[in-house]
């Protein structure tokens, strides 16, 4: 059982100091896939003139842009960073970068678009970075160091940022405290997601800061449960195939019977992502191939 953290007060538009180096401003874009809204993190000291990085400016929202510029007043923004280019994270990046005179840093935009039936929040924004970041790149300011950790899976261009001084990870949508993460093919990739999860587990961070909801203060057990959940879902899908289900549309009602039906389209994409990974591992067959509408069977 995943020990979800759902007790969270977003305080929309208000800067909340979390540690000596981290503050948070949450956008007012709550929803079934964004929880209470997108968390924008400001990394740096509060002192006048201090150098600051901004992670995930958020959706296109004039009120949130105004809240961020107020929170940053008197400090020098040296980088605007993106964990990935989904529309609940990225559209405000370029307007904020222009407003504060800072470069926009992110991975390259994904080559593959998200599936048409994915949640709107998972649609890709057209964001071109001033500097392209890859795995292990470093961004520094006075008193802080951010090191990138490539975490593809939820999105092919997903990055997390390791705050070295606090052994803490800004994990974007790769791990969320309030829910499991949507993995929506074709840009979302379950095999890549599980490999990324193993990388995060191996780093033994002291704290995770997701882009939606509260922080995860004890990542070890949480991440182990997160991984176990995905492995259990593989087993459940294989069991449904053994019972005679052959299509994603047949599997979802059984596995998600207690879930709000509005979330079933996203659940279908998640089941599809699992099936793609299982087919790639040789555990299932797919005719004519591992598509959303394919006919699946145990290998």
C-alpha atoms as a PDB file:
ATOM      1  CA  UNK A   1       0.000   0.000   0.000  1.00  0.00           C
ATOM      2  CA  UNK A   2       1.424   3.368  -1.023  1.00  0.00           C
ATOM      3  CA  UNK A   3       1.511   5.785   1.972  1.00  0.00           C
ATOM      4  CA  UNK A   4      -0.009   8.700   0.058  1.00  0.00           C
ATOM      5  CA  UNK A   5       0.322  12.230   1.450  1.00  0.00           C
ATOM      6  CA  UNK A   6      -2.924  14.077   0.723  1.00  0.00           C
ATOM      7  CA  UNK A   7      -3.030  16.569   3.575  1.00  0.00           C
ATOM      8  CA  UNK A   8      -1.862  19.702   1.801  1.00  0.00           C
ATOM      9  CA  UNK A   9      -2.845  23.365   1.925  1.00  0.00           C
ATOM     10  CA  UNK A  10      -1.780  24.987  -1.377  1.00  0.00           C
ATOM     11  CA  UNK A  11      -2.162  28.659  -0.359  1.00  0.00           C
ATOM     12  CA  UNK A  12      -2.543  29.607  -4.018  1.00  0.00           C
ATOM     13  CA  UNK A  13      -0.440  32.555  -5.122  1.00  0.00           C
ATOM     14  CA  UNK A  14       1.317  32.919  -1.781  1.00  0.00           C
ATOM     15  CA  UNK A  15       5.055  32.223  -1.377  1.00  0.00           C
ATOM     16  CA  UNK A  16       5.618  29.595   1.305  1.00  0.00           C
ATOM     17  CA  UNK A  17       9.121  29.234   2.763  1.00  0.00           C
ATOM     18  CA  UNK A  18       9.900  25.520   3.165  1.00  0.00           C
ATOM     19  CA  UNK A  19      13.634  25.356   3.946  1.00  0.00           C
ATOM     20  CA  UNK A  20      16.422  27.955   4.005  1.00  0.00           C
ATOM     21  CA  UNK A  21      16.881  27.342   0.264  1.00  0.00           C
ATOM     22  CA  UNK A  22      13.379  26.456  -0.960  1.00  0.00           C
ATOM     23  CA  UNK A  23      10.092  28.279  -1.222  1.00  0.00           C
ATOM     24  CA  UNK A  24       6.940  27.317  -3.112  1.00  0.00           C
ATOM     25  CA  UNK A  25       4.178  29.165  -4.942  1.00  0.00           C
ATOM     26  CA  UNK A  26       1.253  26.963  -6.022  1.00  0.00           C
ATOM     27  CA  UNK A  27      -0.747  27.863  -9.123  1.00  0.00           C
ATOM     28  CA  UNK A  28      -4.528  27.916  -8.907  1.00  0.00           C
ATOM     29  CA  UNK A  29      -5.046  25.139 -11.463  1.00  0.00           C
ATOM     30  CA  UNK A  30      -6.509  22.312  -9.363  1.00  0.00           C
ATOM     31  CA  UNK A  31      -8.002  19.310 -11.127  1.00  0.00           C
ATOM     32  CA  UNK A  32      -8.238  15.524 -11.187  1.00  0.00           C
ATOM     33  CA  UNK A  33      -4.714  15.256 -12.626  1.00  0.00           C
ATOM     34  CA  UNK A  34      -3.082  18.276 -10.950  1.00  0.00           C
ATOM     35  CA  UNK A  35      -4.457  17.791  -7.407  1.00  0.00           C
ATOM     36  CA  UNK A  36      -4.377  21.255  -5.765  1.00  0.00           C
ATOM     37  CA  UNK A  37      -2.375  22.869  -8.585  1.00  0.00           C
ATOM     38  CA  UNK A  38       1.159  23.050  -9.948  1.00  0.00           C
ATOM     39  CA  UNK A  39       3.914  23.819  -7.451  1.00  0.00           C
ATOM     40  CA  UNK A  40       6.480  26.319  -8.674  1.00  0.00           C
ATOM     41  CA  UNK A  41       9.662  26.092  -6.603  1.00  0.00           C
ATOM     42  CA  UNK A  42      12.052  28.967  -5.977  1.00  0.00           C
ATOM     43  CA  UNK A  43      15.545  27.810  -5.051  1.00  0.00           C
ATOM     44  CA  UNK A  44      17.793  30.299  -3.270  1.00  0.00           C
ATOM     45  CA  UNK A  45      18.092  32.459  -0.199  1.00  0.00           C
ATOM     46  CA  UNK A  46      15.587  35.217   0.577  1.00  0.00           C
ATOM     47  CA  UNK A  47      18.202  37.966   0.937  1.00  0.00           C
ATOM     48  CA  UNK A  48      18.084  40.948  -1.396  1.00  0.00           C
ATOM     49  CA  UNK A  49      20.219  40.322  -4.461  1.00  0.00           C
ATOM     50  CA  UNK A  50      20.401  36.561  -3.857  1.00  0.00           C
ATOM     51  CA  UNK A  51      20.606  34.333  -6.919  1.00  0.00           C
ATOM     52  CA  UNK A  52      17.518  32.190  -7.488  1.00  0.00           C
ATOM     53  CA  UNK A  53      16.392  29.398  -9.810  1.00  0.00           C
ATOM     54  CA  UNK A  54      12.722  28.860 -10.641  1.00  0.00           C
ATOM     55  CA  UNK A  55      11.505  25.311 -11.308  1.00  0.00           C
ATOM     56  CA  UNK A  56       8.275  24.711 -13.288  1.00  0.00           C
ATOM     57  CA  UNK A  57       6.681  28.169 -13.670  1.00  0.00           C
ATOM     58  CA  UNK A  58       3.380  26.467 -14.434  1.00  0.00           C
ATOM     59  CA  UNK A  59       0.359  26.972 -16.715  1.00  0.00           C
ATOM     60  CA  UNK A  60      -0.533  30.043 -18.701  1.00  0.00           C
ATOM     61  CA  UNK A  61      -1.987  32.152 -15.893  1.00  0.00           C
ATOM     62  CA  UNK A  62      -1.489  35.906 -15.489  1.00  0.00           C
ATOM     63  CA  UNK A  63      -2.281  35.782 -11.766  1.00  0.00           C
ATOM     64  CA  UNK A  64       0.376  33.117 -11.178  1.00  0.00           C
ATOM     65  CA  UNK A  65       2.928  35.099 -13.199  1.00  0.00           C
ATOM     66  CA  UNK A  66       2.191  38.137 -11.041  1.00  0.00           C
ATOM     67  CA  UNK A  67       2.517  36.065  -7.870  1.00  0.00           C
ATOM     68  CA  UNK A  68       5.895  34.741  -8.991  1.00  0.00           C
ATOM     69  CA  UNK A  69       7.275  38.153  -9.906  1.00  0.00           C
ATOM     70  CA  UNK A  70       6.198  39.481  -6.497  1.00  0.00           C
ATOM     71  CA  UNK A  71       7.837  36.548  -4.737  1.00  0.00           C
ATOM     72  CA  UNK A  72      11.060  37.078  -6.701  1.00  0.00           C
ATOM     73  CA  UNK A  73      11.247  40.857  -6.227  1.00  0.00           C
ATOM     74  CA  UNK A  74      14.688  42.017  -5.135  1.00  0.00           C
ATOM     75  CA  UNK A  75      16.426  38.773  -6.044  1.00  0.00           C
ATOM     76  CA  UNK A  76      18.247  37.817  -9.256  1.00  0.00           C
ATOM     77  CA  UNK A  77      16.859  34.896 -11.217  1.00  0.00           C
ATOM     78  CA  UNK A  78      19.733  33.045 -12.887  1.00  0.00           C
ATOM     79  CA  UNK A  79      17.723  30.211 -14.431  1.00  0.00           C
ATOM     80  CA  UNK A  80      14.156  29.186 -15.220  1.00  0.00           C
ATOM     81  CA  UNK A  81      14.041  25.371 -15.234  1.00  0.00           C
ATOM     82  CA  UNK A  82      11.518  22.827 -16.454  1.00  0.00           C
ATOM     83  CA  UNK A  83      11.091  19.248 -15.326  1.00  0.00           C
ATOM     84  CA  UNK A  84       9.144  18.637 -18.558  1.00  0.00           C
ATOM     85  CA  UNK A  85       7.021  20.448 -21.111  1.00  0.00           C
ATOM     86  CA  UNK A  86       3.462  19.441 -20.224  1.00  0.00           C
ATOM     87  CA  UNK A  87       0.919  22.244 -20.235  1.00  0.00           C
ATOM     88  CA  UNK A  88       0.499  22.422 -16.476  1.00  0.00           C
ATOM     89  CA  UNK A  89       4.241  23.058 -16.060  1.00  0.00           C
ATOM     90  CA  UNK A  90       5.707  24.868 -19.048  1.00  0.00           C
ATOM     91  CA  UNK A  91       3.615  27.590 -20.749  1.00  0.00           C
ATOM     92  CA  UNK A  92       4.557  30.281 -18.222  1.00  0.00           C
ATOM     93  CA  UNK A  93       8.286  29.532 -18.548  1.00  0.00           C
ATOM     94  CA  UNK A  94       9.044  31.869 -21.447  1.00  0.00           C
ATOM     95  CA  UNK A  95       6.924  34.783 -20.155  1.00  0.00           C
ATOM     96  CA  UNK A  96       8.606  34.497 -16.741  1.00  0.00           C
ATOM     97  CA  UNK A  97      12.073  34.217 -18.276  1.00  0.00           C
ATOM     98  CA  UNK A  98      11.440  37.394 -20.248  1.00  0.00           C
ATOM     99  CA  UNK A  99      10.012  39.201 -17.239  1.00  0.00           C
ATOM    100  CA  UNK A 100      13.018  38.461 -15.004  1.00  0.00           C
ATOM    101  CA  UNK A 101      15.714  38.459 -17.705  1.00  0.00           C
ATOM    102  CA  UNK A 102      16.821  34.857 -17.150  1.00  0.00           C
ATOM    103  CA  UNK A 103      17.599  31.974 -19.513  1.00  0.00           C
ATOM    104  CA  UNK A 104      15.164  29.082 -19.909  1.00  0.00           C
ATOM    105  CA  UNK A 105      16.790  25.679 -19.331  1.00  0.00           C
ATOM    106  CA  UNK A 106      15.130  22.357 -20.141  1.00  0.00           C
ATOM    107  CA  UNK A 107      15.562  19.109 -22.032  1.00  0.00           C
ATOM    108  CA  UNK A 108      14.729  19.096 -25.712  1.00  0.00           C
ATOM    109  CA  UNK A 109      11.010  18.941 -26.573  1.00  0.00           C
ATOM    110  CA  UNK A 110       9.700  15.395 -27.114  1.00  0.00           C
ATOM    111  CA  UNK A 111       9.698  13.985 -30.627  1.00  0.00           C
ATOM    112  CA  UNK A 112       6.465  12.049 -30.001  1.00  0.00           C
ATOM    113  CA  UNK A 113       3.282  13.798 -28.996  1.00  0.00           C
ATOM    114  CA  UNK A 114       1.173  12.445 -26.149  1.00  0.00           C
ATOM    115  CA  UNK A 115      -1.803  10.315 -27.174  1.00  0.00           C
ATOM    116  CA  UNK A 116      -4.896  12.327 -28.148  1.00  0.00           C
ATOM    117  CA  UNK A 117      -6.977  10.878 -25.298  1.00  0.00           C
ATOM    118  CA  UNK A 118      -4.430  11.819 -22.622  1.00  0.00           C
ATOM    119  CA  UNK A 119      -5.413  14.370 -19.968  1.00  0.00           C
ATOM    120  CA  UNK A 120      -5.131  17.989 -21.122  1.00  0.00           C
ATOM    121  CA  UNK A 121      -2.443  18.516 -18.479  1.00  0.00           C
ATOM    122  CA  UNK A 122      -0.258  15.985 -20.314  1.00  0.00           C
ATOM    123  CA  UNK A 123      -0.396  17.795 -23.651  1.00  0.00           C
ATOM    124  CA  UNK A 124       2.997  19.105 -24.697  1.00  0.00           C
ATOM    125  CA  UNK A 125       3.686  22.833 -24.750  1.00  0.00           C
ATOM    126  CA  UNK A 126       5.899  24.281 -27.491  1.00  0.00           C
ATOM    127  CA  UNK A 127       8.825  25.412 -25.360  1.00  0.00           C
ATOM    128  CA  UNK A 128      12.290  25.866 -26.858  1.00  0.00           C
ATOM    129  CA  UNK A 129      15.015  26.222 -24.203  1.00  0.00           C
ATOM    130  CA  UNK A 130      17.869  28.695 -24.362  1.00  0.00           C
ATOM    131  CA  UNK A 131      20.107  25.958 -23.008  1.00  0.00           C
ATOM    132  CA  UNK A 132      19.396  22.259 -23.432  1.00  0.00           C
ATOM    133  CA  UNK A 133      19.939  20.203 -20.288  1.00  0.00           C
ATOM    134  CA  UNK A 134      20.944  16.555 -20.171  1.00  0.00           C
ATOM    135  CA  UNK A 135      21.548  14.029 -17.450  1.00  0.00           C
ATOM    136  CA  UNK A 136      24.137  15.174 -14.907  1.00  0.00           C
ATOM    137  CA  UNK A 137      24.247  18.837 -15.924  1.00  0.00           C
ATOM    138  CA  UNK A 138      24.743  21.374 -13.128  1.00  0.00           C
ATOM    139  CA  UNK A 139      23.144  24.765 -12.488  1.00  0.00           C
ATOM    140  CA  UNK A 140      24.612  26.858  -9.651  1.00  0.00           C
ATOM    141  CA  UNK A 141      23.790  29.957  -7.669  1.00  0.00           C
ATOM    142  CA  UNK A 142      25.145  31.490  -4.484  1.00  0.00           C
ATOM    143  CA  UNK A 143      24.746  28.800  -1.838  1.00  0.00           C
ATOM    144  CA  UNK A 144      22.961  26.190  -3.952  1.00  0.00           C
ATOM    145  CA  UNK A 145      23.687  23.556  -6.585  1.00  0.00           C
ATOM    146  CA  UNK A 146      21.140  21.794  -8.784  1.00  0.00           C
ATOM    147  CA  UNK A 147      22.183  18.648 -10.658  1.00  0.00           C
ATOM    148  CA  UNK A 148      19.906  17.162 -13.293  1.00  0.00           C
ATOM    149  CA  UNK A 149      18.732  13.569 -13.118  1.00  0.00           C
ATOM    150  CA  UNK A 150      17.097  12.276 -16.293  1.00  0.00           C
ATOM    151  CA  UNK A 151      13.842  10.553 -15.341  1.00  0.00           C
ATOM    152  CA  UNK A 152      11.996   9.696 -18.574  1.00  0.00           C
ATOM    153  CA  UNK A 153       8.744   7.794 -18.335  1.00  0.00           C
ATOM    154  CA  UNK A 154       5.931  10.190 -17.535  1.00  0.00           C
ATOM    155  CA  UNK A 155       7.378  12.245 -20.382  1.00  0.00           C
ATOM    156  CA  UNK A 156      10.307  11.394 -22.624  1.00  0.00           C
ATOM    157  CA  UNK A 157      12.006  14.697 -21.766  1.00  0.00           C
ATOM    158  CA  UNK A 158      11.404  14.555 -18.014  1.00  0.00           C
ATOM    159  CA  UNK A 159      14.198  15.811 -15.753  1.00  0.00           C
ATOM    160  CA  UNK A 160      14.433  15.941 -11.981  1.00  0.00           C
ATOM    161  CA  UNK A 161      16.688  18.351 -10.108  1.00  0.00           C
ATOM    162  CA  UNK A 162      18.872  17.280  -7.197  1.00  0.00           C
ATOM    163  CA  UNK A 163      19.445  20.079  -4.670  1.00  0.00           C
ATOM    164  CA  UNK A 164      22.857  18.905  -3.544  1.00  0.00           C
ATOM    165  CA  UNK A 165      23.009  20.969  -0.351  1.00  0.00           C
ATOM    166  CA  UNK A 166      19.850  19.340   1.028  1.00  0.00           C
ATOM    167  CA  UNK A 167      20.036  15.909  -0.668  1.00  0.00           C
ATOM    168  CA  UNK A 168      16.537  16.648  -1.934  1.00  0.00           C
ATOM    169  CA  UNK A 169      15.000  16.002  -5.345  1.00  0.00           C
ATOM    170  CA  UNK A 170      12.545  18.189  -7.246  1.00  0.00           C
ATOM    171  CA  UNK A 171      10.904  15.223  -8.949  1.00  0.00           C
ATOM    172  CA  UNK A 172       8.290  16.950 -11.114  1.00  0.00           C
ATOM    173  CA  UNK A 173       5.617  14.438 -12.071  1.00  0.00           C
ATOM    174  CA  UNK A 174       7.888  11.416 -11.903  1.00  0.00           C
ATOM    175  CA  UNK A 175       6.781  10.766  -8.313  1.00  0.00           C
ATOM    176  CA  UNK A 176       3.772  12.384  -6.633  1.00  0.00           C
ATOM    177  CA  UNK A 177       2.811  12.108  -2.989  1.00  0.00           C
ATOM    178  CA  UNK A 178      -0.946  12.252  -3.537  1.00  0.00           C
ATOM    179  CA  UNK A 179      -1.324   9.745  -6.398  1.00  0.00           C
ATOM    180  CA  UNK A 180       0.444   7.475  -8.813  1.00  0.00           C
ATOM    181  CA  UNK A 181       1.822   9.095 -11.952  1.00  0.00           C
ATOM    182  CA  UNK A 182       0.085   8.916 -15.327  1.00  0.00           C
ATOM    183  CA  UNK A 183       2.233   7.234 -17.980  1.00  0.00           C
ATOM    184  CA  UNK A 184       0.532   7.944 -21.315  1.00  0.00           C
ATOM    185  CA  UNK A 185       2.001   6.471 -24.525  1.00  0.00           C
ATOM    186  CA  UNK A 186       3.359   7.139 -27.016  1.00  0.00           C
ATOM    187  CA  UNK A 187       5.506   9.777 -25.287  1.00  0.00           C
ATOM    188  CA  UNK A 188       5.034   8.127 -21.903  1.00  0.00           C
ATOM    189  CA  UNK A 189       6.981   4.880 -21.553  1.00  0.00           C
ATOM    190  CA  UNK A 190       6.484   2.409 -18.703  1.00  0.00           C
ATOM    191  CA  UNK A 191       9.786   0.569 -19.164  1.00  0.00           C
ATOM    192  CA  UNK A 192      11.640   3.892 -19.075  1.00  0.00           C
ATOM    193  CA  UNK A 193       9.541   4.964 -16.104  1.00  0.00           C
ATOM    194  CA  UNK A 194      10.482   1.907 -14.055  1.00  0.00           C
ATOM    195  CA  UNK A 195      14.172   2.311 -14.912  1.00  0.00           C
ATOM    196  CA  UNK A 196      13.985   5.964 -13.828  1.00  0.00           C
ATOM    197  CA  UNK A 197      12.260   4.966 -10.605  1.00  0.00           C
ATOM    198  CA  UNK A 198      15.115   2.583  -9.850  1.00  0.00           C
ATOM    199  CA  UNK A 199      17.600   5.422 -10.417  1.00  0.00           C
ATOM    200  CA  UNK A 200      15.799   7.662  -7.942  1.00  0.00           C
ATOM    201  CA  UNK A 201      15.576   4.865  -5.364  1.00  0.00           C
ATOM    202  CA  UNK A 202      19.307   4.183  -5.694  1.00  0.00           C
ATOM    203  CA  UNK A 203      20.177   7.814  -4.888  1.00  0.00           C
ATOM    204  CA  UNK A 204      18.625   7.656  -1.399  1.00  0.00           C
ATOM    205  CA  UNK A 205      17.355  11.217  -1.243  1.00  0.00           C
ATOM    206  CA  UNK A 206      16.291  12.627   2.113  1.00  0.00           C
ATOM    207  CA  UNK A 207      13.224  14.371   0.684  1.00  0.00           C
ATOM    208  CA  UNK A 208      11.239  14.603  -2.539  1.00  0.00           C
ATOM    209  CA  UNK A 209       9.470  17.757  -3.727  1.00  0.00           C
ATOM    210  CA  UNK A 210       6.782  16.803  -6.287  1.00  0.00           C
ATOM    211  CA  UNK A 211       5.207  19.306  -8.646  1.00  0.00           C
ATOM    212  CA  UNK A 212       1.745  18.650  -7.183  1.00  0.00           C
ATOM    213  CA  UNK A 213       0.903  18.333  -3.511  1.00  0.00           C
ATOM    214  CA  UNK A 214       3.078  17.935  -0.446  1.00  0.00           C
ATOM    215  CA  UNK A 215       6.657  16.784  -0.075  1.00  0.00           C
ATOM    216  CA  UNK A 216       7.628  13.188   0.652  1.00  0.00           C
ATOM    217  CA  UNK A 217       9.690  13.206   3.847  1.00  0.00           C
ATOM    218  CA  UNK A 218      10.577   9.511   3.972  1.00  0.00           C
ATOM    219  CA  UNK A 219      11.273   8.592   0.342  1.00  0.00           C
ATOM    220  CA  UNK A 220      12.681   5.086   0.855  1.00  0.00           C
ATOM    221  CA  UNK A 221       9.497   3.263   1.919  1.00  0.00           C
ATOM    222  CA  UNK A 222       7.337   5.480  -0.286  1.00  0.00           C
ATOM    223  CA  UNK A 223       9.351   4.742  -3.427  1.00  0.00           C
ATOM    224  CA  UNK A 224       9.494   1.034  -2.635  1.00  0.00           C
ATOM    225  CA  UNK A 225       5.693   0.997  -2.374  1.00  0.00           C
ATOM    226  CA  UNK A 226       5.431   3.031  -5.585  1.00  0.00           C
ATOM    227  CA  UNK A 227       7.543   0.444  -7.423  1.00  0.00           C
ATOM    228  CA  UNK A 228       5.648  -2.470  -5.857  1.00  0.00           C
ATOM    229  CA  UNK A 229       2.373  -0.928  -7.053  1.00  0.00           C
ATOM    230  CA  UNK A 230       3.563  -0.944 -10.659  1.00  0.00           C
ATOM    231  CA  UNK A 231       4.791  -4.522 -10.389  1.00  0.00           C
ATOM    232  CA  UNK A 232       1.443  -5.529  -8.875  1.00  0.00           C
ATOM    233  CA  UNK A 233      -0.358  -3.825 -11.763  1.00  0.00           C
ATOM    234  CA  UNK A 234       1.684  -5.923 -14.195  1.00  0.00           C
ATOM    235  CA  UNK A 235       0.552  -9.043 -12.323  1.00  0.00           C
ATOM    236  CA  UNK A 236      -3.083  -7.900 -12.334  1.00  0.00           C
ATOM    237  CA  UNK A 237      -3.003  -7.241 -16.074  1.00  0.00           C
ATOM    238  CA  UNK A 238      -1.454 -10.644 -16.734  1.00  0.00           C
ATOM    239  CA  UNK A 239      -4.166 -12.213 -14.583  1.00  0.00           C
ATOM    240  CA  UNK A 240      -6.905 -10.486 -16.590  1.00  0.00           C
ATOM    241  CA  UNK A 241      -5.331 -11.757 -19.813  1.00  0.00           C
ATOM    242  CA  UNK A 242      -5.208 -15.269 -18.355  1.00  0.00           C
ATOM    243  CA  UNK A 243      -8.909 -14.898 -17.482  1.00  0.00           C
ATOM    244  CA  UNK A 244      -9.740 -14.111 -21.099  1.00  0.00           C
ATOM    245  CA  UNK A 245      -9.636 -10.311 -21.394  1.00  0.00           C
ATOM    246  CA  UNK A 246      -8.001  -9.344 -24.655  1.00  0.00           C
ATOM    247  CA  UNK A 247      -8.275  -5.578 -24.994  1.00  0.00           C
ATOM    248  CA  UNK A 248      -7.447  -2.543 -22.864  1.00  0.00           C
ATOM    249  CA  UNK A 249     -11.147  -1.613 -22.816  1.00  0.00           C
ATOM    250  CA  UNK A 250     -11.941  -4.992 -21.195  1.00  0.00           C
ATOM    251  CA  UNK A 251      -9.195  -4.774 -18.587  1.00  0.00           C
ATOM    252  CA  UNK A 252      -9.840  -1.259 -17.255  1.00  0.00           C
ATOM    253  CA  UNK A 253     -13.345  -1.812 -15.757  1.00  0.00           C
ATOM    254  CA  UNK A 254     -12.050  -4.748 -13.716  1.00  0.00           C
ATOM    255  CA  UNK A 255      -8.919  -3.055 -12.411  1.00  0.00           C
ATOM    256  CA  UNK A 256     -10.406   0.394 -11.845  1.00  0.00           C
ATOM    257  CA  UNK A 257     -13.928  -0.463 -10.688  1.00  0.00           C
ATOM    258  CA  UNK A 258     -13.579   1.732  -7.589  1.00  0.00           C
ATOM    259  CA  UNK A 259     -12.087   4.701  -9.443  1.00  0.00           C
ATOM    260  CA  UNK A 260     -13.992   7.741 -10.709  1.00  0.00           C
ATOM    261  CA  UNK A 261     -15.003   6.873 -14.285  1.00  0.00           C
ATOM    262  CA  UNK A 262     -13.758  10.299 -15.414  1.00  0.00           C
ATOM    263  CA  UNK A 263     -10.266   8.911 -14.804  1.00  0.00           C
ATOM    264  CA  UNK A 264     -10.788   5.780 -16.891  1.00  0.00           C
ATOM    265  CA  UNK A 265      -9.355   7.321 -20.110  1.00  0.00           C
ATOM    266  CA  UNK A 266      -6.117   8.020 -18.231  1.00  0.00           C
ATOM    267  CA  UNK A 267      -6.305   4.545 -16.667  1.00  0.00           C
ATOM    268  CA  UNK A 268      -6.623   3.062 -20.164  1.00  0.00           C
ATOM    269  CA  UNK A 269      -3.393   4.768 -21.166  1.00  0.00           C
ATOM    270  CA  UNK A 270      -1.671   3.452 -18.068  1.00  0.00           C
ATOM    271  CA  UNK A 271      -2.824  -0.123 -18.792  1.00  0.00           C
ATOM    272  CA  UNK A 272      -1.658   0.312 -22.376  1.00  0.00           C
ATOM    273  CA  UNK A 273       1.746   1.513 -21.110  1.00  0.00           C
ATOM    274  CA  UNK A 274       2.051  -1.605 -18.955  1.00  0.00           C
ATOM    275  CA  UNK A 275       1.092  -3.818 -21.899  1.00  0.00           C
ATOM    276  CA  UNK A 276       3.673  -2.173 -24.162  1.00  0.00           C
ATOM    277  CA  UNK A 277       6.357  -2.881 -21.554  1.00  0.00           C
ATOM    278  CA  UNK A 278       5.136  -6.462 -21.053  1.00  0.00           C
ATOM    279  CA  UNK A 279       5.134  -7.048 -24.804  1.00  0.00           C
ATOM    280  CA  UNK A 280       8.645  -5.641 -25.039  1.00  0.00           C
ATOM    281  CA  UNK A 281       9.736  -8.024 -22.284  1.00  0.00           C
ATOM    282  CA  UNK A 282       8.233 -10.983 -24.165  1.00  0.00           C
ATOM    283  CA  UNK A 283       5.527 -11.653 -21.565  1.00  0.00           C
ATOM    284  CA  UNK A 284       2.510 -10.880 -23.772  1.00  0.00           C
ATOM    285  CA  UNK A 285       1.720 -10.864 -27.480  1.00  0.00           C
ATOM    286  CA  UNK A 286      -0.067  -8.065 -29.311  1.00  0.00           C
ATOM    287  CA  UNK A 287      -1.894  -8.250 -32.648  1.00  0.00           C
ATOM    288  CA  UNK A 288      -1.234  -6.387 -34.877  1.00  0.00           C
ATOM    289  CA  UNK A 289       1.193  -4.677 -32.486  1.00  0.00           C
ATOM    290  CA  UNK A 290       1.088  -3.036 -29.036  1.00  0.00           C
ATOM    291  CA  UNK A 291      -1.469  -0.335 -29.865  1.00  0.00           C
ATOM    292  CA  UNK A 292      -4.277   0.957 -27.676  1.00  0.00           C
ATOM    293  CA  UNK A 293      -6.818  -1.133 -29.603  1.00  0.00           C
ATOM    294  CA  UNK A 294      -4.690  -4.250 -30.094  1.00  0.00           C
ATOM    295  CA  UNK A 295      -5.650  -7.786 -29.126  1.00  0.00           C
ATOM    296  CA  UNK A 296      -3.370  -8.973 -26.304  1.00  0.00           C
ATOM    297  CA  UNK A 297      -2.732 -12.462 -24.955  1.00  0.00           C
ATOM    298  CA  UNK A 298      -0.273 -14.149 -22.596  1.00  0.00           C
ATOM    299  CA  UNK A 299       2.959 -15.080 -24.377  1.00  0.00           C
END
